[in-house]
Amino acid sequence: MEINADFTLRAVVRPEDYHWVPSPMPGVERMMLDRIGDEVARATTIVRFAPNSEFSPHTHSGGEEFFVLEGIFSDEHMDYPAGTYARNPIGTFHTPKIGPTGASILVKLYQYDADDQDQKNINTHTAKWIPGPVEGVEVLPLHEYGGEQVVVIKVAPNVDFEYHEHINGEEIFVLDGTFYDEHGTYSKGTWIRSPHMSGHQSFTKEDGAIALVKTGHLKPS
């Protein structure tokens, strides 16, 4: 299976484009954003867990990175409320078991460097933000390894960014508000993947925006 598998092309998926498909486990559905492979795949996916659902025990043979979008995601280690960013390196293991609230997560699989063994669990609602590159922008650093960086960016209303190019790519998931650029409008729940050396000039309007942003991980082959 291949979905948005050409990483030299820009890809955008908006909430109105979502198409949920059942997973092998009852009560667990997936919206596939990009994918190369079948059940075991290099994938970026929104996973929606019904209340009191669970997923079979599994080892992260390619690593796992996720952000909790709604509800409370749980496993045998702990509970991860909405706003949690977590990394489980290659070789880690867990058994997801969701409580009565249900949960939705944005998850990336088989996208780990084998030497990146930093396991993380960050509550973005309580972590410390720092000033961003322009006035009206705050940044919450989440992870950095090699040239890859992951942050949450919070942009006030009516902020304009200068035109910039994405060296080794950029991937954005809009968590709240709305981003704009010369290509279109990106509301809450929109996923954008921009290839190496693509560029744009983004801005916000009256509602501002918050987004999960990953850069430097789409090096051309």
C-alpha atoms as a PDB file:
ATOM      1  CA  MET A   1       0.000   0.000   0.000  1.00  0.00           C
ATOM      2  CA  GLU A   2       1.253   3.475  -0.891  1.00  0.00           C
ATOM      3  CA  ILE A   3      -0.411   6.722   0.269  1.00  0.00           C
ATOM      4  CA  ASN A   4       1.309  10.076  -0.346  1.00  0.00           C
ATOM      5  CA  ALA A   5       4.437   7.994  -0.862  1.00  0.00           C
ATOM      6  CA  ASP A   6       6.328  10.411  -3.136  1.00  0.00           C
ATOM      7  CA  PHE A   7       8.227  12.608  -0.683  1.00  0.00           C
ATOM      8  CA  THR A   8       9.337  14.984  -3.427  1.00  0.00           C
ATOM      9  CA  LEU A   9       5.720  16.205  -3.673  1.00  0.00           C
ATOM     10  CA  ARG A  10       3.774  18.486  -1.355  1.00  0.00           C
ATOM     11  CA  ALA A  11       0.874  16.728   0.385  1.00  0.00           C
ATOM     12  CA  VAL A  12      -2.098  18.258   2.221  1.00  0.00           C
ATOM     13  CA  VAL A  13      -4.913  16.411   4.038  1.00  0.00           C
ATOM     14  CA  ARG A  14      -7.733  18.473   5.563  1.00  0.00           C
ATOM     15  CA  PRO A  15     -10.428  17.232   7.981  1.00  0.00           C
ATOM     16  CA  GLU A  16     -12.961  17.143   5.139  1.00  0.00           C
ATOM     17  CA  ASP A  17     -10.636  14.648   3.394  1.00  0.00           C
ATOM     18  CA  TYR A  18     -10.574  12.189   6.299  1.00  0.00           C
ATOM     19  CA  HIS A  19     -11.542   8.625   5.446  1.00  0.00           C
ATOM     20  CA  TRP A  20     -11.505   6.349   8.469  1.00  0.00           C
ATOM     21  CA  VAL A  21     -10.692   2.667   7.969  1.00  0.00           C
ATOM     22  CA  PRO A  22     -10.936  -0.072  10.605  1.00  0.00           C
ATOM     23  CA  SER A  23      -7.769  -1.530  12.101  1.00  0.00           C
ATOM     24  CA  PRO A  24      -7.405  -5.231  12.931  1.00  0.00           C
ATOM     25  CA  MET A  25      -8.613  -4.417  16.487  1.00  0.00           C
ATOM     26  CA  PRO A  26     -12.287  -3.680  17.300  1.00  0.00           C
ATOM     27  CA  GLY A  27     -12.984  -0.054  18.159  1.00  0.00           C
ATOM     28  CA  VAL A  28      -9.759   1.239  16.594  1.00  0.00           C
ATOM     29  CA  GLU A  29      -9.927   3.241  13.339  1.00  0.00           C
ATOM     30  CA  ARG A  30      -7.219   4.895  11.274  1.00  0.00           C
ATOM     31  CA  MET A  31      -6.926   7.863   8.959  1.00  0.00           C
ATOM     32  CA  MET A  32      -3.811   7.219   6.884  1.00  0.00           C
ATOM     33  CA  LEU A  33      -1.887  10.368   5.957  1.00  0.00           C
ATOM     34  CA  ASP A  34       1.156   8.756   4.357  1.00  0.00           C
ATOM     35  CA  ARG A  35       2.108   5.112   4.162  1.00  0.00           C
ATOM     36  CA  ILE A  36       4.562   2.755   2.498  1.00  0.00           C
ATOM     37  CA  GLY A  37       3.721  -0.844   3.362  1.00  0.00           C
ATOM     38  CA  ASP A  38       0.767  -2.880   4.535  1.00  0.00           C
ATOM     39  CA  GLU A  39       0.009  -3.646   8.201  1.00  0.00           C
ATOM     40  CA  VAL A  40       3.698  -3.160   9.044  1.00  0.00           C
ATOM     41  CA  ALA A  41       4.556   0.133   7.366  1.00  0.00           C
ATOM     42  CA  ARG A  42       6.463   3.367   7.394  1.00  0.00           C
ATOM     43  CA  ALA A  43       3.434   5.467   8.225  1.00  0.00           C
ATOM     44  CA  THR A  44       1.969   8.710   9.501  1.00  0.00           C
ATOM     45  CA  THR A  45      -1.561   8.113  10.779  1.00  0.00           C
ATOM     46  CA  ILE A  46      -4.336   9.543  12.925  1.00  0.00           C
ATOM     47  CA  VAL A  47      -5.596   6.685  15.104  1.00  0.00           C
ATOM     48  CA  ARG A  48      -8.991   6.933  16.819  1.00  0.00           C
ATOM     49  CA  PHE A  49      -9.684   4.653  19.803  1.00  0.00           C
ATOM     50  CA  ALA A  50     -13.249   4.126  20.986  1.00  0.00           C
ATOM     51  CA  PRO A  51     -13.864   4.206  24.759  1.00  0.00           C
ATOM     52  CA  ASN A  52     -12.609   1.058  26.504  1.00  0.00           C
ATOM     53  CA  SER A  53     -10.845  -0.240  23.387  1.00  0.00           C
ATOM     54  CA  GLU A  54      -7.372  -1.726  23.277  1.00  0.00           C
ATOM     55  CA  PHE A  55      -4.632  -2.709  20.877  1.00  0.00           C
ATOM     56  CA  SER A  56      -2.595  -5.898  20.896  1.00  0.00           C
ATOM     57  CA  PRO A  57       0.859  -5.949  22.557  1.00  0.00           C
ATOM     58  CA  HIS A  58       3.567  -4.898  20.132  1.00  0.00           C
ATOM     59  CA  THR A  59       7.251  -4.019  19.912  1.00  0.00           C
ATOM     60  CA  HIS A  60       8.308  -0.833  18.152  1.00  0.00           C
ATOM     61  CA  SER A  61      10.723  -2.410  15.706  1.00  0.00           C
ATOM     62  CA  GLY A  62      10.920   0.858  13.770  1.00  0.00           C
ATOM     63  CA  GLY A  63      10.242   3.268  16.636  1.00  0.00           C
ATOM     64  CA  GLU A  64       7.071   5.163  17.481  1.00  0.00           C
ATOM     65  CA  GLU A  65       6.370   8.878  17.903  1.00  0.00           C
ATOM     66  CA  PHE A  66       2.918  10.165  18.847  1.00  0.00           C
ATOM     67  CA  PHE A  67       0.956  13.230  19.935  1.00  0.00           C
ATOM     68  CA  VAL A  68      -2.331  12.830  21.804  1.00  0.00           C
ATOM     69  CA  LEU A  69      -4.960  14.935  20.050  1.00  0.00           C
ATOM     70  CA  GLU A  70      -8.047  14.087  22.129  1.00  0.00           C
ATOM     71  CA  GLY A  71      -8.977  12.067  25.205  1.00  0.00           C
ATOM     72  CA  ILE A  72      -6.499   9.987  27.203  1.00  0.00           C
ATOM     73  CA  PHE A  73      -4.247   7.399  25.584  1.00  0.00           C
ATOM     74  CA  SER A  74      -3.067   4.716  28.044  1.00  0.00           C
ATOM     75  CA  ASP A  75      -0.795   1.701  28.250  1.00  0.00           C
ATOM     76  CA  GLU A  76       0.718  -0.392  31.034  1.00  0.00           C
ATOM     77  CA  HIS A  77       3.245   2.353  31.741  1.00  0.00           C
ATOM     78  CA  MET A  78       1.026   5.403  32.253  1.00  0.00           C
ATOM     79  CA  ASP A  79      -1.791   7.643  31.025  1.00  0.00           C
ATOM     80  CA  TYR A  80      -1.082  10.223  28.311  1.00  0.00           C
ATOM     81  CA  PRO A  81      -3.664  13.047  28.301  1.00  0.00           C
ATOM     82  CA  ALA A  82      -4.448  15.252  25.314  1.00  0.00           C
ATOM     83  CA  GLY A  83      -1.464  17.458  24.542  1.00  0.00           C
ATOM     84  CA  THR A  84       1.127  14.784  25.362  1.00  0.00           C
ATOM     85  CA  TYR A  85       4.078  14.218  23.010  1.00  0.00           C
ATOM     86  CA  ALA A  86       5.800  10.841  23.349  1.00  0.00           C
ATOM     87  CA  ARG A  87       8.675   8.970  21.720  1.00  0.00           C
ATOM     88  CA  ASN A  88       9.269   5.224  22.019  1.00  0.00           C
ATOM     89  CA  PRO A  89      12.596   4.222  20.432  1.00  0.00           C
ATOM     90  CA  ILE A  90      13.306   1.086  18.447  1.00  0.00           C
ATOM     91  CA  GLY A  91      12.916  -1.983  20.655  1.00  0.00           C
ATOM     92  CA  THR A  92      10.434  -0.536  23.153  1.00  0.00           C
ATOM     93  CA  PHE A  93       7.187  -2.395  23.887  1.00  0.00           C
ATOM     94  CA  HIS A  94       3.682  -1.626  25.123  1.00  0.00           C
ATOM     95  CA  THR A  95       0.023  -2.639  25.151  1.00  0.00           C
ATOM     96  CA  PRO A  96      -2.367   0.285  24.542  1.00  0.00           C
ATOM     97  CA  LYS A  97      -5.546   0.050  26.631  1.00  0.00           C
ATOM     98  CA  ILE A  98      -7.911   3.009  26.450  1.00  0.00           C
ATOM     99  CA  GLY A  99     -10.279   4.093  29.201  1.00  0.00           C
ATOM    100  CA  PRO A 100     -13.819   5.524  29.104  1.00  0.00           C
ATOM    101  CA  THR A 101     -12.832   8.827  27.461  1.00  0.00           C
ATOM    102  CA  GLY A 102     -11.494   7.255  24.266  1.00  0.00           C
ATOM    103  CA  ALA A 103      -8.520   8.849  22.506  1.00  0.00           C
ATOM    104  CA  SER A 104      -7.165  10.108  19.180  1.00  0.00           C
ATOM    105  CA  ILE A 105      -3.452  10.257  18.437  1.00  0.00           C
ATOM    106  CA  LEU A 106      -1.226  11.363  15.572  1.00  0.00           C
ATOM    107  CA  VAL A 107       1.387   8.615  15.278  1.00  0.00           C
ATOM    108  CA  LYS A 108       4.507   8.113  13.165  1.00  0.00           C
ATOM    109  CA  LEU A 109       5.967   4.612  12.770  1.00  0.00           C
ATOM    110  CA  TYR A 110       9.211   3.292  11.254  1.00  0.00           C
ATOM    111  CA  GLN A 111      10.728   6.783  11.012  1.00  0.00           C
ATOM    112  CA  TYR A 112      13.411   6.475  13.704  1.00  0.00           C
ATOM    113  CA  ASP A 113      17.175   6.644  13.439  1.00  0.00           C
ATOM    114  CA  ALA A 114      18.508   3.481  15.095  1.00  0.00           C
ATOM    115  CA  ASP A 115      20.876   5.543  17.256  1.00  0.00           C
ATOM    116  CA  ASP A 116      18.122   7.842  18.544  1.00  0.00           C
ATOM    117  CA  GLN A 117      17.328   6.199  21.873  1.00  0.00           C
ATOM    118  CA  ASP A 118      15.884   9.178  23.737  1.00  0.00           C
ATOM    119  CA  GLN A 119      12.510   8.102  25.167  1.00  0.00           C
ATOM    120  CA  LYS A 120      10.201  11.025  25.943  1.00  0.00           C
ATOM    121  CA  ASN A 121       6.862  11.915  27.489  1.00  0.00           C
ATOM    122  CA  ILE A 122       6.129  15.667  27.479  1.00  0.00           C
ATOM    123  CA  ASN A 123       2.892  17.329  28.582  1.00  0.00           C
ATOM    124  CA  THR A 124       2.784  20.378  26.324  1.00  0.00           C
ATOM    125  CA  HIS A 125       0.214  22.070  28.576  1.00  0.00           C
ATOM    126  CA  THR A 126       2.699  22.309  31.465  1.00  0.00           C
ATOM    127  CA  ALA A 127       6.058  22.522  29.645  1.00  0.00           C
ATOM    128  CA  LYS A 128       7.972  25.796  29.256  1.00  0.00           C
ATOM    129  CA  TRP A 129       7.593  27.823  26.063  1.00  0.00           C
ATOM    130  CA  ILE A 130      10.284  30.137  24.686  1.00  0.00           C
ATOM    131  CA  PRO A 131      10.084  33.199  22.413  1.00  0.00           C
ATOM    132  CA  GLY A 132       9.908  32.351  18.726  1.00  0.00           C
ATOM    133  CA  PRO A 133      11.725  33.818  15.714  1.00  0.00           C
ATOM    134  CA  VAL A 134       9.275  36.728  15.302  1.00  0.00           C
ATOM    135  CA  GLU A 135       7.082  38.787  17.614  1.00  0.00           C
ATOM    136  CA  GLY A 136       3.842  37.023  18.460  1.00  0.00           C
ATOM    137  CA  VAL A 137       5.311  33.525  18.194  1.00  0.00           C
ATOM    138  CA  GLU A 138       6.128  31.097  21.018  1.00  0.00           C
ATOM    139  CA  VAL A 139       7.913  27.772  20.561  1.00  0.00           C
ATOM    140  CA  LEU A 140       7.948  24.611  22.691  1.00  0.00           C
ATOM    141  CA  PRO A 141      10.947  22.420  21.744  1.00  0.00           C
ATOM    142  CA  LEU A 142      10.115  18.721  21.977  1.00  0.00           C
ATOM    143  CA  HIS A 143      12.930  16.777  20.330  1.00  0.00           C
ATOM    144  CA  GLU A 144      16.128  17.214  18.366  1.00  0.00           C
ATOM    145  CA  TYR A 145      18.384  14.577  16.881  1.00  0.00           C
ATOM    146  CA  GLY A 146      20.812  15.093  14.041  1.00  0.00           C
ATOM    147  CA  GLY A 147      19.131  17.544  11.716  1.00  0.00           C
ATOM    148  CA  GLU A 148      15.603  16.614  12.830  1.00  0.00           C
ATOM    149  CA  GLN A 149      13.654  18.982  15.093  1.00  0.00           C
ATOM    150  CA  VAL A 150      10.159  18.691  16.578  1.00  0.00           C
ATOM    151  CA  VAL A 151       8.391  21.658  18.183  1.00  0.00           C
ATOM    152  CA  VAL A 152       4.955  22.996  18.941  1.00  0.00           C
ATOM    153  CA  ILE A 153       4.538  26.546  17.657  1.00  0.00           C
ATOM    154  CA  LYS A 154       1.937  28.980  19.014  1.00  0.00           C
ATOM    155  CA  VAL A 155       1.212  31.960  16.761  1.00  0.00           C
ATOM    156  CA  ALA A 156      -0.800  34.988  17.879  1.00  0.00           C
ATOM    157  CA  PRO A 157      -3.480  36.501  15.644  1.00  0.00           C
ATOM    158  CA  ASN A 158      -2.367  38.518  12.618  1.00  0.00           C
ATOM    159  CA  VAL A 159       1.280  37.428  12.473  1.00  0.00           C
ATOM    160  CA  ASP A 160       3.135  37.400   9.142  1.00  0.00           C
ATOM    161  CA  PHE A 161       6.176  35.200   8.498  1.00  0.00           C
ATOM    162  CA  GLU A 162       8.774  36.040   5.888  1.00  0.00           C
ATOM    163  CA  TYR A 163       9.071  33.750   2.870  1.00  0.00           C
ATOM    164  CA  HIS A 164      11.225  30.756   3.801  1.00  0.00           C
ATOM    165  CA  GLU A 165      12.339  27.465   2.271  1.00  0.00           C
ATOM    166  CA  HIS A 166      12.258  24.087   3.979  1.00  0.00           C
ATOM    167  CA  ILE A 167      15.733  22.589   3.924  1.00  0.00           C
ATOM    168  CA  ASN A 168      15.199  18.820   4.254  1.00  0.00           C
ATOM    169  CA  GLY A 169      11.451  19.312   4.432  1.00  0.00           C
ATOM    170  CA  GLU A 170       8.753  20.329   6.885  1.00  0.00           C
ATOM    171  CA  GLU A 171       5.688  18.560   8.271  1.00  0.00           C
ATOM    172  CA  ILE A 172       2.885  20.393  10.094  1.00  0.00           C
ATOM    173  CA  PHE A 173      -0.249  19.239  11.911  1.00  0.00           C
ATOM    174  CA  VAL A 174      -2.559  22.114  12.890  1.00  0.00           C
ATOM    175  CA  LEU A 175      -3.686  21.603  16.499  1.00  0.00           C
ATOM    176  CA  ASP A 176      -5.843  24.718  16.817  1.00  0.00           C
ATOM    177  CA  GLY A 177      -6.754  27.865  14.919  1.00  0.00           C
ATOM    178  CA  THR A 178      -5.900  28.403  11.255  1.00  0.00           C
ATOM    179  CA  PHE A 179      -2.725  28.861   9.230  1.00  0.00           C
ATOM    180  CA  TYR A 180      -2.676  30.518   5.815  1.00  0.00           C
ATOM    181  CA  ASP A 181      -0.154  30.887   3.003  1.00  0.00           C
ATOM    182  CA  GLU A 182      -0.169  31.675  -0.701  1.00  0.00           C
ATOM    183  CA  HIS A 183      -1.228  28.089  -1.427  1.00  0.00           C
ATOM    184  CA  GLY A 184      -4.322  27.855   0.783  1.00  0.00           C
ATOM    185  CA  THR A 185      -6.032  27.723   4.178  1.00  0.00           C
ATOM    186  CA  TYR A 186      -5.222  25.137   6.855  1.00  0.00           C
ATOM    187  CA  SER A 187      -7.708  24.744   9.710  1.00  0.00           C
ATOM    188  CA  LYS A 188      -7.489  22.604  12.845  1.00  0.00           C
ATOM    189  CA  GLY A 189      -6.804  18.972  11.939  1.00  0.00           C
ATOM    190  CA  THR A 190      -4.974  19.731   8.678  1.00  0.00           C
ATOM    191  CA  TRP A 191      -1.743  17.887   7.884  1.00  0.00           C
ATOM    192  CA  ILE A 192       0.809  19.421   5.495  1.00  0.00           C
ATOM    193  CA  ARG A 193       4.033  17.786   4.259  1.00  0.00           C
ATOM    194  CA  SER A 194       6.379  20.055   2.307  1.00  0.00           C
ATOM    195  CA  PRO A 195       9.390  18.569   0.469  1.00  0.00           C
ATOM    196  CA  HIS A 196      13.036  19.591   0.535  1.00  0.00           C
ATOM    197  CA  MET A 197      13.583  23.199  -0.625  1.00  0.00           C
ATOM    198  CA  SER A 198       9.899  23.976  -1.072  1.00  0.00           C
ATOM    199  CA  GLY A 199       8.891  27.388   0.231  1.00  0.00           C
ATOM    200  CA  HIS A 200       5.995  29.548   1.356  1.00  0.00           C
ATOM    201  CA  GLN A 201       5.024  32.704   3.216  1.00  0.00           C
ATOM    202  CA  SER A 202       2.641  31.807   6.049  1.00  0.00           C
ATOM    203  CA  PHE A 203       0.460  34.004   8.249  1.00  0.00           C
ATOM    204  CA  THR A 204      -2.411  33.954  10.720  1.00  0.00           C
ATOM    205  CA  LYS A 205      -5.637  35.935  10.942  1.00  0.00           C
ATOM    206  CA  GLU A 206      -7.899  36.715  13.884  1.00  0.00           C
ATOM    207  CA  ASP A 207      -7.922  33.221  15.437  1.00  0.00           C
ATOM    208  CA  GLY A 208      -4.135  32.626  15.512  1.00  0.00           C
ATOM    209  CA  ALA A 209      -2.844  29.055  15.322  1.00  0.00           C
ATOM    210  CA  ILE A 210      -1.052  26.263  17.168  1.00  0.00           C
ATOM    211  CA  ALA A 211       0.745  23.490  15.277  1.00  0.00           C
ATOM    212  CA  LEU A 212       3.019  20.506  15.759  1.00  0.00           C
ATOM    213  CA  VAL A 213       5.980  21.035  13.431  1.00  0.00           C
ATOM    214  CA  LYS A 214       8.716  18.597  12.371  1.00  0.00           C
ATOM    215  CA  THR A 215      11.624  19.740  10.197  1.00  0.00           C
ATOM    216  CA  GLY A 216      14.822  18.320   8.755  1.00  0.00           C
ATOM    217  CA  HIS A 217      13.584  14.738   8.414  1.00  0.00           C
ATOM    218  CA  LEU A 218      12.795  14.625   4.694  1.00  0.00           C
ATOM    219  CA  LYS A 219      16.274  14.580   3.207  1.00  0.00           C
ATOM    220  CA  PRO A 220      16.268  13.817  -0.518  1.00  0.00           C
ATOM    221  CA  SER A 221      17.541  10.352  -1.364  1.00  0.00           C
END
